[in-house]
Amino acid sequence: MPREIPTHLWVSALLRRASLGGAFATIVHRGDADRGDVLVKVMRARGEADLYAPAFNPEGPTEFEQLSAQDEAGVDSVIARRRSSDRDLWVVEIEDSQGRNFLTEPVRRPNGY
């Protein structure tokens, strides 16, 4: 999330982009309204899921990284671990058969993608 935009506004814009794109998106967990990080879970067909998390970039604009694609249970396990250590964390879930994440920020792909 860009540092100058409160998280709740950034999340609202993400939900809107997904909706306009024909996907279903919802907030699974609300974190700090102004400064919380956001995990974006993207559900595809057949229980496949991707997880996008903010990438460490202390001097530049916000970037995300795509964590390895997994089944939904694996992604949910990663989310649960991160939520247990970060009470300010937001979790947004997008259901899209094409696997689109609707992020406007640059996304770092895992090795092999």
Protein backbone atom coordinates (compact mmCIF):
# COMPACT_ATOMS: atom_id res chain seq x y z
CA MET A 1 0.00 0.00 0.00
CA PRO A 2 1.40 3.38 -0.84
CA ARG A 3 2.46 5.05 2.38
CA GLU A 4 0.40 8.19 1.71
CA ILE A 5 -2.89 6.32 1.22
CA PRO A 6 -4.70 4.88 4.26
CA THR A 7 -5.07 1.12 4.01
CA HIS A 8 -8.86 1.16 4.13
CA LEU A 9 -8.97 3.35 0.99
CA TRP A 10 -6.42 1.17 -0.81
CA VAL A 11 -8.47 -1.94 0.01
CA SER A 12 -11.68 -0.26 -1.19
CA ALA A 13 -10.02 0.53 -4.52
CA LEU A 14 -8.80 -3.08 -4.86
CA LEU A 15 -12.31 -4.41 -4.19
CA ARG A 16 -13.74 -2.00 -6.76
CA ARG A 17 -11.21 -3.00 -9.46
CA ALA A 18 -12.02 -6.67 -8.87
CA SER A 19 -15.75 -6.02 -9.04
CA LEU A 20 -15.43 -4.03 -12.26
CA GLY A 21 -13.33 -6.86 -13.68
CA GLY A 22 -16.10 -9.39 -13.01
CA ALA A 23 -14.47 -11.08 -10.01
CA PHE A 24 -15.80 -11.50 -6.48
CA ALA A 25 -13.71 -9.90 -3.73
CA THR A 26 -14.26 -9.59 -0.01
CA ILE A 27 -12.45 -8.53 3.15
CA VAL A 28 -11.74 -11.64 5.23
CA HIS A 29 -10.00 -9.75 8.03
CA ARG A 30 -9.78 -6.02 8.77
CA GLY A 31 -6.57 -4.67 10.20
CA ASP A 32 -5.43 -1.18 11.12
CA ALA A 33 -7.46 1.26 9.02
CA ASP A 34 -4.56 3.55 8.27
CA ARG A 35 -1.33 1.53 8.30
CA GLY A 36 -2.02 -2.20 8.16
CA ASP A 37 -0.38 -4.41 5.54
CA VAL A 38 -2.61 -6.41 3.18
CA LEU A 39 -2.41 -10.04 2.08
CA VAL A 40 -4.28 -10.75 -1.15
CA LYS A 41 -5.50 -14.33 -1.63
CA VAL A 42 -6.59 -15.19 -5.17
CA MET A 43 -8.74 -18.28 -5.65
CA ARG A 44 -8.76 -19.94 -9.05
CA ALA A 45 -10.56 -23.03 -10.31
CA ARG A 46 -10.17 -26.44 -8.65
CA GLY A 47 -9.07 -25.15 -5.24
CA GLU A 48 -5.89 -23.54 -6.52
CA ALA A 49 -4.81 -20.35 -4.79
CA ASP A 50 -2.11 -17.68 -4.97
CA LEU A 51 -1.04 -15.38 -2.17
CA TYR A 52 0.38 -11.89 -2.62
CA ALA A 53 2.14 -10.09 0.21
CA PRO A 54 3.87 -6.72 0.49
CA ALA A 55 7.53 -7.02 -0.47
CA PHE A 56 10.23 -5.35 1.59
CA ASN A 57 11.24 -2.18 -0.26
CA PRO A 58 12.31 0.50 2.26
CA GLU A 59 13.19 3.22 -0.23
CA GLY A 60 10.94 2.75 -3.23
CA PRO A 61 7.27 2.48 -4.04
CA THR A 62 5.21 -0.36 -2.68
CA GLU A 63 5.69 -3.73 -4.35
CA PHE A 64 4.08 -7.09 -3.79
CA GLU A 65 5.56 -10.55 -4.06
CA GLN A 66 3.70 -13.62 -5.21
CA LEU A 67 4.32 -16.46 -2.84
CA SER A 68 4.43 -19.95 -4.32
CA ALA A 69 1.12 -21.15 -5.73
CA GLN A 70 -0.52 -23.73 -3.49
CA ASP A 71 -3.83 -25.28 -2.73
CA GLU A 72 -6.26 -23.24 -0.66
CA ALA A 73 -5.37 -25.03 2.60
CA GLY A 74 -1.68 -24.16 2.17
CA VAL A 75 -2.45 -20.51 1.50
CA ASP A 76 -4.81 -20.38 4.49
CA SER A 77 -2.05 -21.81 6.69
CA VAL A 78 0.35 -19.04 5.64
CA ILE A 79 -2.33 -16.42 6.30
CA ALA A 80 -3.06 -17.84 9.76
CA ARG A 81 0.64 -17.72 10.71
CA ARG A 82 0.99 -14.13 9.55
CA ARG A 83 -2.20 -13.03 11.29
CA SER A 84 -1.02 -14.54 14.57
CA SER A 85 2.03 -12.26 14.54
CA ASP A 86 0.46 -9.11 13.02
CA ARG A 87 -2.81 -7.86 14.47
CA ASP A 88 -2.87 -4.91 12.02
CA LEU A 89 -2.93 -7.21 8.97
CA TRP A 90 -5.74 -7.09 6.41
CA VAL A 91 -6.71 -10.15 4.35
CA VAL A 92 -8.58 -9.73 1.06
CA GLU A 93 -9.86 -12.74 -0.88
CA ILE A 94 -10.54 -12.55 -4.61
CA GLU A 95 -12.33 -15.32 -6.51
CA ASP A 96 -11.42 -15.12 -10.19
CA SER A 97 -11.35 -18.02 -12.65
CA GLN A 98 -8.53 -16.28 -14.55
CA GLY A 99 -6.41 -15.87 -11.42
CA ARG A 100 -6.14 -12.08 -11.69
CA ASN A 101 -4.95 -10.23 -8.58
CA PHE A 102 -6.11 -6.71 -9.60
CA LEU A 103 -3.03 -5.15 -7.99
CA THR A 104 -1.71 -2.00 -9.66
CA GLU A 105 1.63 -2.23 -7.83
CA PRO A 106 4.57 -4.16 -9.32
CA VAL A 107 4.56 -7.87 -8.41
CA ARG A 108 7.71 -9.91 -7.88
CA ARG A 109 7.17 -13.49 -9.06
CA PRO A 110 8.62 -16.52 -7.28
CA ASN A 111 11.53 -18.34 -8.93
CA GLY A 112 10.39 -20.45 -11.80
CA TYR A 113 7.47 -18.20 -12.85
